[in-house]
N, C-alpha and C. Protein backbone atom coordinates (compact mmCIF):
# COMPACT_ATOMS: atom_id res chain seq x y z
N MET A 1 0.83 -1.18 0.00
CA MET A 1 0.01 0.01 0.01
C MET A 1 0.90 1.27 -0.01
N ALA A 2 0.56 2.19 -0.83
CA ALA A 2 1.36 3.41 -0.98
C ALA A 2 1.17 4.30 0.26
N ARG A 3 2.25 5.02 0.58
CA ARG A 3 2.23 5.94 1.70
C ARG A 3 1.44 7.17 1.32
N PRO A 4 0.52 7.66 2.21
CA PRO A 4 -0.25 8.84 1.86
C PRO A 4 0.64 10.08 1.78
N ILE A 5 0.30 10.97 0.88
CA ILE A 5 1.03 12.21 0.68
C ILE A 5 0.61 13.24 1.71
N ASN A 6 1.57 13.77 2.47
CA ASN A 6 1.27 14.81 3.42
C ASN A 6 1.00 16.11 2.69
N PRO A 7 0.07 16.91 3.20
CA PRO A 7 -0.20 18.22 2.53
C PRO A 7 1.04 19.12 2.67
N ARG A 8 1.25 19.91 1.63
CA ARG A 8 2.39 20.88 1.64
C ARG A 8 1.90 22.20 2.20
N ARG A 9 2.72 22.87 2.97
CA ARG A 9 2.35 24.17 3.55
C ARG A 9 2.60 25.26 2.54
N VAL A 10 1.62 26.12 2.36
CA VAL A 10 1.69 27.27 1.43
C VAL A 10 1.28 28.49 2.23
N PHE A 11 2.09 29.53 2.11
CA PHE A 11 1.85 30.77 2.89
C PHE A 11 0.50 31.37 2.59
N SER A 12 0.21 31.60 1.29
CA SER A 12 -1.08 32.16 0.92
C SER A 12 -1.45 31.76 -0.49
N ARG A 13 -2.68 31.96 -0.86
CA ARG A 13 -3.12 31.59 -2.17
C ARG A 13 -2.44 32.47 -3.25
N PRO A 14 -2.22 31.87 -4.45
CA PRO A 14 -1.65 32.70 -5.51
C PRO A 14 -2.54 33.91 -5.84
N LYS A 15 -1.94 35.01 -6.21
CA LYS A 15 -2.70 36.24 -6.50
C LYS A 15 -3.44 36.15 -7.81
N VAL A 16 -3.03 35.29 -8.71
CA VAL A 16 -3.71 35.11 -10.00
C VAL A 16 -4.05 33.65 -10.19
N LYS A 17 -4.98 33.41 -11.08
CA LYS A 17 -5.43 32.02 -11.39
C LYS A 17 -4.60 31.42 -12.55
N GLY A 18 -3.89 32.26 -13.29
CA GLY A 18 -3.09 31.74 -14.38
C GLY A 18 -2.65 32.83 -15.34
N PHE A 19 -2.14 32.42 -16.50
CA PHE A 19 -1.64 33.32 -17.48
C PHE A 19 -2.05 32.86 -18.85
N ILE A 20 -2.32 33.81 -19.74
CA ILE A 20 -2.72 33.50 -21.10
C ILE A 20 -1.68 34.13 -22.05
N PRO A 21 -1.18 33.39 -23.04
CA PRO A 21 -0.16 33.97 -23.95
C PRO A 21 -0.83 34.91 -24.91
N MET A 22 -0.05 35.85 -25.41
CA MET A 22 -0.53 36.80 -26.39
C MET A 22 0.15 36.52 -27.72
N GLY A 23 -0.52 36.82 -28.81
CA GLY A 23 0.15 36.70 -30.13
C GLY A 23 -0.54 35.75 -31.06
N PHE A 24 0.02 35.65 -32.24
CA PHE A 24 -0.56 34.86 -33.35
C PHE A 24 -0.67 33.38 -33.02
N TYR A 25 0.34 32.81 -32.38
CA TYR A 25 0.38 31.37 -32.18
C TYR A 25 -0.44 30.90 -30.97
N SER A 26 -1.13 31.77 -30.26
CA SER A 26 -1.85 31.39 -29.07
C SER A 26 -3.34 31.21 -29.34
N SER A 27 -3.72 30.91 -30.56
CA SER A 27 -5.15 30.78 -30.86
C SER A 27 -5.82 29.56 -30.31
N ASP A 28 -5.08 28.42 -30.25
CA ASP A 28 -5.74 27.20 -29.78
C ASP A 28 -5.80 27.10 -28.26
N LEU A 29 -4.93 27.78 -27.55
CA LEU A 29 -4.91 27.84 -26.09
C LEU A 29 -4.95 26.49 -25.40
N ASP A 30 -3.99 25.65 -25.72
CA ASP A 30 -3.79 24.44 -24.92
C ASP A 30 -3.43 24.89 -23.51
N THR A 31 -3.73 24.05 -22.55
CA THR A 31 -3.57 24.46 -21.15
C THR A 31 -2.53 23.58 -20.42
N ILE A 32 -1.71 24.22 -19.63
CA ILE A 32 -0.80 23.58 -18.70
C ILE A 32 -1.33 23.85 -17.28
N TYR A 33 -1.50 22.80 -16.48
CA TYR A 33 -1.99 22.96 -15.14
C TYR A 33 -0.82 22.90 -14.15
N LEU A 34 -0.62 24.03 -13.44
CA LEU A 34 0.43 24.13 -12.43
C LEU A 34 -0.27 23.99 -11.08
N THR A 35 0.17 23.01 -10.25
CA THR A 35 -0.48 22.86 -8.93
C THR A 35 0.00 23.97 -8.01
N VAL A 36 -0.70 24.18 -6.94
CA VAL A 36 -0.38 25.24 -6.00
C VAL A 36 0.98 24.96 -5.36
N GLU A 37 1.31 23.70 -5.07
CA GLU A 37 2.63 23.44 -4.48
C GLU A 37 3.74 23.67 -5.49
N GLU A 38 3.50 23.43 -6.77
CA GLU A 38 4.48 23.79 -7.78
C GLU A 38 4.69 25.29 -7.84
N TYR A 39 3.59 26.03 -7.80
CA TYR A 39 3.67 27.47 -7.77
C TYR A 39 4.46 27.96 -6.56
N GLU A 40 4.19 27.38 -5.40
CA GLU A 40 4.88 27.78 -4.18
C GLU A 40 6.39 27.48 -4.24
N SER A 41 6.74 26.36 -4.84
CA SER A 41 8.17 26.04 -4.97
C SER A 41 8.87 27.08 -5.87
N ILE A 42 8.24 27.50 -6.94
CA ILE A 42 8.80 28.52 -7.83
C ILE A 42 8.89 29.87 -7.06
N ARG A 43 7.82 30.19 -6.31
CA ARG A 43 7.80 31.43 -5.55
C ARG A 43 8.94 31.50 -4.53
N LEU A 44 9.11 30.42 -3.78
CA LEU A 44 10.15 30.41 -2.74
C LEU A 44 11.53 30.41 -3.30
N LYS A 45 11.81 29.62 -4.34
CA LYS A 45 13.16 29.53 -4.86
C LYS A 45 13.54 30.65 -5.80
N ASP A 46 12.67 30.99 -6.73
CA ASP A 46 13.00 31.98 -7.77
C ASP A 46 12.60 33.41 -7.43
N TYR A 47 11.56 33.59 -6.63
CA TYR A 47 11.10 34.93 -6.30
C TYR A 47 11.65 35.39 -4.96
N MET A 48 11.62 34.50 -3.95
CA MET A 48 12.14 34.81 -2.63
C MET A 48 13.64 34.49 -2.48
N PHE A 49 14.24 33.83 -3.46
CA PHE A 49 15.64 33.44 -3.48
C PHE A 49 16.09 32.63 -2.27
N LEU A 50 15.24 31.70 -1.83
CA LEU A 50 15.58 30.83 -0.75
C LEU A 50 16.31 29.61 -1.31
N SER A 51 17.11 28.98 -0.46
CA SER A 51 17.79 27.76 -0.88
C SER A 51 16.77 26.61 -0.92
N GLN A 52 17.22 25.47 -1.47
CA GLN A 52 16.30 24.31 -1.46
C GLN A 52 15.94 23.85 -0.08
N LEU A 53 16.92 23.88 0.84
CA LEU A 53 16.65 23.47 2.21
C LEU A 53 15.68 24.42 2.89
N GLU A 54 15.88 25.72 2.72
CA GLU A 54 14.97 26.71 3.34
C GLU A 54 13.57 26.58 2.79
N SER A 55 13.49 26.42 1.44
CA SER A 55 12.20 26.25 0.78
C SER A 55 11.48 25.03 1.25
N SER A 56 12.19 23.91 1.39
CA SER A 56 11.58 22.67 1.82
C SER A 56 11.10 22.79 3.27
N GLU A 57 11.82 23.51 4.11
CA GLU A 57 11.40 23.68 5.47
C GLU A 57 10.15 24.53 5.53
N HIS A 58 10.05 25.57 4.70
CA HIS A 58 8.85 26.39 4.64
C HIS A 58 7.61 25.58 4.24
N MET A 59 7.79 24.68 3.31
CA MET A 59 6.67 23.87 2.84
C MET A 59 6.42 22.62 3.65
N GLY A 60 7.29 22.30 4.61
CA GLY A 60 7.12 21.15 5.44
C GLY A 60 7.32 19.83 4.72
N ILE A 61 8.28 19.82 3.76
CA ILE A 61 8.60 18.60 2.98
C ILE A 61 10.10 18.39 2.98
N SER A 62 10.52 17.25 2.48
CA SER A 62 11.97 16.97 2.41
C SER A 62 12.57 17.74 1.23
N ARG A 63 13.91 17.89 1.27
CA ARG A 63 14.57 18.57 0.17
C ARG A 63 14.45 17.84 -1.13
N PRO A 64 14.57 16.51 -1.21
CA PRO A 64 14.36 15.80 -2.49
C PRO A 64 12.98 15.95 -3.02
N THR A 65 12.00 16.01 -2.15
CA THR A 65 10.59 16.17 -2.59
C THR A 65 10.43 17.56 -3.20
N LEU A 66 11.01 18.59 -2.56
CA LEU A 66 10.97 19.94 -3.10
C LEU A 66 11.60 19.97 -4.48
N THR A 67 12.75 19.29 -4.66
CA THR A 67 13.46 19.26 -5.91
C THR A 67 12.57 18.68 -6.99
N ARG A 68 11.86 17.59 -6.70
CA ARG A 68 10.97 16.96 -7.67
C ARG A 68 9.84 17.92 -8.06
N ILE A 69 9.23 18.55 -7.06
CA ILE A 69 8.13 19.49 -7.33
C ILE A 69 8.62 20.65 -8.16
N TYR A 70 9.75 21.22 -7.78
CA TYR A 70 10.34 22.40 -8.47
C TYR A 70 10.70 22.07 -9.93
N ASP A 71 11.34 20.93 -10.14
CA ASP A 71 11.71 20.54 -11.53
C ASP A 71 10.46 20.32 -12.40
N LYS A 72 9.44 19.73 -11.83
CA LYS A 72 8.22 19.51 -12.57
C LYS A 72 7.54 20.88 -12.97
N ALA A 73 7.60 21.84 -11.99
CA ALA A 73 7.03 23.15 -12.25
C ALA A 73 7.81 23.88 -13.34
N ARG A 74 9.12 23.83 -13.32
CA ARG A 74 9.96 24.49 -14.32
C ARG A 74 9.70 23.91 -15.71
N LYS A 75 9.57 22.60 -15.82
CA LYS A 75 9.31 21.97 -17.11
C LYS A 75 7.95 22.39 -17.64
N LYS A 76 6.94 22.51 -16.77
CA LYS A 76 5.61 22.96 -17.21
C LYS A 76 5.66 24.39 -17.71
N ILE A 77 6.36 25.26 -16.97
CA ILE A 77 6.44 26.67 -17.37
C ILE A 77 7.20 26.83 -18.66
N ALA A 78 8.28 26.07 -18.81
CA ALA A 78 9.06 26.13 -20.06
C ALA A 78 8.22 25.66 -21.26
N GLU A 79 7.44 24.61 -21.06
CA GLU A 79 6.57 24.12 -22.12
C GLU A 79 5.54 25.15 -22.51
N ALA A 80 4.93 25.80 -21.51
CA ALA A 80 3.94 26.85 -21.77
C ALA A 80 4.56 28.02 -22.51
N LEU A 81 5.74 28.46 -22.12
CA LEU A 81 6.35 29.59 -22.82
C LEU A 81 6.79 29.26 -24.22
N CYS A 82 7.35 28.08 -24.44
CA CYS A 82 7.89 27.70 -25.76
C CYS A 82 6.80 27.30 -26.71
N GLU A 83 5.70 26.77 -26.23
CA GLU A 83 4.65 26.30 -27.11
C GLU A 83 3.40 27.18 -27.11
N GLY A 84 3.41 28.29 -26.41
CA GLY A 84 2.29 29.25 -26.39
C GLY A 84 1.06 28.69 -25.73
N LYS A 85 1.22 27.98 -24.62
CA LYS A 85 0.09 27.41 -23.91
C LYS A 85 -0.28 28.27 -22.70
N GLN A 86 -1.55 28.28 -22.33
CA GLN A 86 -1.92 29.02 -21.13
C GLN A 86 -1.56 28.21 -19.90
N ILE A 87 -1.34 28.90 -18.78
CA ILE A 87 -1.04 28.23 -17.51
C ILE A 87 -2.18 28.53 -16.56
N LEU A 88 -2.72 27.48 -15.96
CA LEU A 88 -3.75 27.60 -14.92
C LEU A 88 -3.16 27.04 -13.60
N ILE A 89 -3.27 27.84 -12.51
CA ILE A 89 -2.75 27.42 -11.22
C ILE A 89 -3.96 26.89 -10.43
N GLN A 90 -3.94 25.59 -10.16
CA GLN A 90 -5.06 25.00 -9.39
C GLN A 90 -4.69 23.61 -8.92
N GLY A 91 -5.41 23.19 -7.88
CA GLY A 91 -5.24 21.82 -7.38
C GLY A 91 -4.01 21.65 -6.49
N GLY A 92 -3.80 20.44 -6.06
CA GLY A 92 -2.70 20.12 -5.22
C GLY A 92 -3.17 19.76 -3.80
N ASN A 93 -2.24 19.23 -3.04
CA ASN A 93 -2.49 18.82 -1.68
C ASN A 93 -1.78 19.79 -0.75
N VAL A 94 -2.47 20.89 -0.39
CA VAL A 94 -1.82 21.98 0.36
C VAL A 94 -2.63 22.37 1.58
N ILE A 95 -1.93 23.01 2.52
CA ILE A 95 -2.57 23.68 3.66
C ILE A 95 -2.10 25.12 3.60
N TYR A 96 -3.03 26.05 3.65
CA TYR A 96 -2.70 27.47 3.61
C TYR A 96 -2.42 27.99 5.00
N LEU A 97 -1.36 28.77 5.16
CA LEU A 97 -0.96 29.30 6.44
C LEU A 97 -1.46 30.70 6.66
N GLU A 98 -2.67 30.97 6.23
CA GLU A 98 -3.27 32.27 6.45
C GLU A 98 -3.99 32.28 7.81
N GLU A 99 -4.28 33.43 8.33
CA GLU A 99 -5.02 33.52 9.57
C GLU A 99 -6.51 33.29 9.34
N TRP A 100 -7.08 32.43 10.12
CA TRP A 100 -8.51 32.08 9.98
C TRP A 100 -9.30 32.59 11.20
N TYR A 101 -10.56 32.92 10.95
CA TYR A 101 -11.42 33.46 11.98
C TYR A 101 -12.75 32.74 12.01
N LEU A 102 -13.40 32.75 13.17
CA LEU A 102 -14.70 32.09 13.37
C LEU A 102 -15.69 33.11 13.88
N CYS A 103 -16.86 33.16 13.30
CA CYS A 103 -17.94 34.04 13.73
C CYS A 103 -18.75 33.27 14.80
N SER A 104 -18.87 33.85 16.02
CA SER A 104 -19.60 33.14 17.06
C SER A 104 -21.11 33.18 16.82
N SER A 105 -21.60 34.07 16.01
CA SER A 105 -23.06 34.13 15.76
C SER A 105 -23.51 33.09 14.73
N CYS A 106 -22.89 33.12 13.54
CA CYS A 106 -23.39 32.22 12.47
C CYS A 106 -22.49 31.00 12.32
N GLY A 107 -21.31 30.95 12.91
CA GLY A 107 -20.43 29.80 12.87
C GLY A 107 -19.60 29.68 11.60
N SER A 108 -19.58 30.73 10.75
CA SER A 108 -18.79 30.65 9.52
C SER A 108 -17.32 30.87 9.80
N LYS A 109 -16.47 30.17 9.02
CA LYS A 109 -15.05 30.34 9.10
C LYS A 109 -14.56 31.09 7.86
N PHE A 110 -13.68 32.06 8.09
CA PHE A 110 -13.20 32.85 6.97
C PHE A 110 -11.78 33.34 7.30
N ASN A 111 -11.06 33.75 6.24
CA ASN A 111 -9.70 34.24 6.48
C ASN A 111 -9.62 35.72 6.26
N SER A 112 -8.45 36.30 6.55
CA SER A 112 -8.27 37.73 6.45
C SER A 112 -8.08 38.19 5.03
N MET A 113 -7.96 37.27 4.08
CA MET A 113 -7.87 37.53 2.62
C MET A 113 -6.79 38.52 2.33
N ASN A 114 -5.58 38.31 2.86
CA ASN A 114 -4.37 39.09 2.61
C ASN A 114 -4.48 40.52 3.12
N ASN A 115 -5.44 40.82 3.96
CA ASN A 115 -5.48 42.14 4.61
C ASN A 115 -4.45 42.18 5.71
N LYS A 116 -3.89 43.33 5.95
CA LYS A 116 -2.92 43.46 7.01
C LYS A 116 -3.59 43.56 8.39
N GLU A 117 -4.84 43.94 8.44
CA GLU A 117 -5.55 44.09 9.69
C GLU A 117 -6.42 42.88 9.96
N ASN A 118 -6.70 42.61 11.23
CA ASN A 118 -7.63 41.56 11.58
C ASN A 118 -9.06 42.04 11.25
N PRO A 119 -9.89 41.12 10.71
CA PRO A 119 -11.26 41.55 10.39
C PRO A 119 -12.04 41.83 11.68
N THR A 120 -12.87 42.88 11.64
CA THR A 120 -13.67 43.26 12.81
C THR A 120 -15.09 42.74 12.76
N LYS A 121 -15.53 42.30 11.56
CA LYS A 121 -16.87 41.70 11.48
C LYS A 121 -16.91 40.59 10.50
N CYS A 122 -17.93 39.75 10.66
CA CYS A 122 -18.13 38.58 9.80
C CYS A 122 -18.57 39.02 8.42
N PRO A 123 -17.98 38.54 7.36
CA PRO A 123 -18.41 38.92 6.00
C PRO A 123 -19.75 38.33 5.61
N LEU A 124 -20.23 37.27 6.34
CA LEU A 124 -21.50 36.65 6.01
C LEU A 124 -22.70 37.33 6.71
N CYS A 125 -22.58 37.44 8.06
CA CYS A 125 -23.72 38.01 8.80
C CYS A 125 -23.50 39.43 9.29
N GLY A 126 -22.23 39.91 9.26
CA GLY A 126 -21.94 41.26 9.69
C GLY A 126 -21.72 41.43 11.19
N ASP A 127 -21.84 40.35 11.97
CA ASP A 127 -21.67 40.46 13.39
C ASP A 127 -20.20 40.72 13.75
N THR A 128 -19.99 41.41 14.87
CA THR A 128 -18.65 41.75 15.29
C THR A 128 -18.01 40.77 16.23
N LYS A 129 -18.69 39.68 16.54
CA LYS A 129 -18.17 38.65 17.42
C LYS A 129 -17.34 37.62 16.64
N VAL A 130 -16.11 38.00 16.27
CA VAL A 130 -15.22 37.10 15.53
C VAL A 130 -13.98 36.85 16.36
N GLU A 131 -13.43 35.65 16.27
CA GLU A 131 -12.22 35.30 16.99
C GLU A 131 -11.29 34.52 16.08
N GLN A 132 -9.99 34.68 16.29
CA GLN A 132 -9.00 34.00 15.47
C GLN A 132 -8.93 32.55 15.94
N ILE A 133 -8.83 31.62 14.96
CA ILE A 133 -8.72 30.20 15.24
C ILE A 133 -7.56 29.62 14.44
N ASP A 134 -7.16 28.41 14.79
CA ASP A 134 -6.18 27.66 13.99
C ASP A 134 -6.92 27.08 12.80
N SER A 135 -6.28 27.10 11.61
CA SER A 135 -6.94 26.59 10.41
C SER A 135 -7.24 25.15 10.54
């Protein structure tokens, strides 16, 4: 029996859902699907300039696992760029490390949605009785 895959830790959701190529050769729009953990590996290594070890620690995975995820992501991005395919970022086995809140009135769970401030009211019912919880 195969070992279950542990979820990868991701700081926050990607700001975009994907990218669409521009130009004459992009008429058919074949799609490359980049998982959220592949996106996170690219973000940590190429955007944040972290080492493989630091990146793997951030995501809660081993360094060889990060290397496999990162290599797969780079190949997908290269294929999309060279062949004029669109990239969609979706799916994967991840846990988001955003701050989550619970409304004591209606029981809804929500996050701060990248706001710097803690939310003061529930986005569903508008009540001000919200408290921070662990995701």
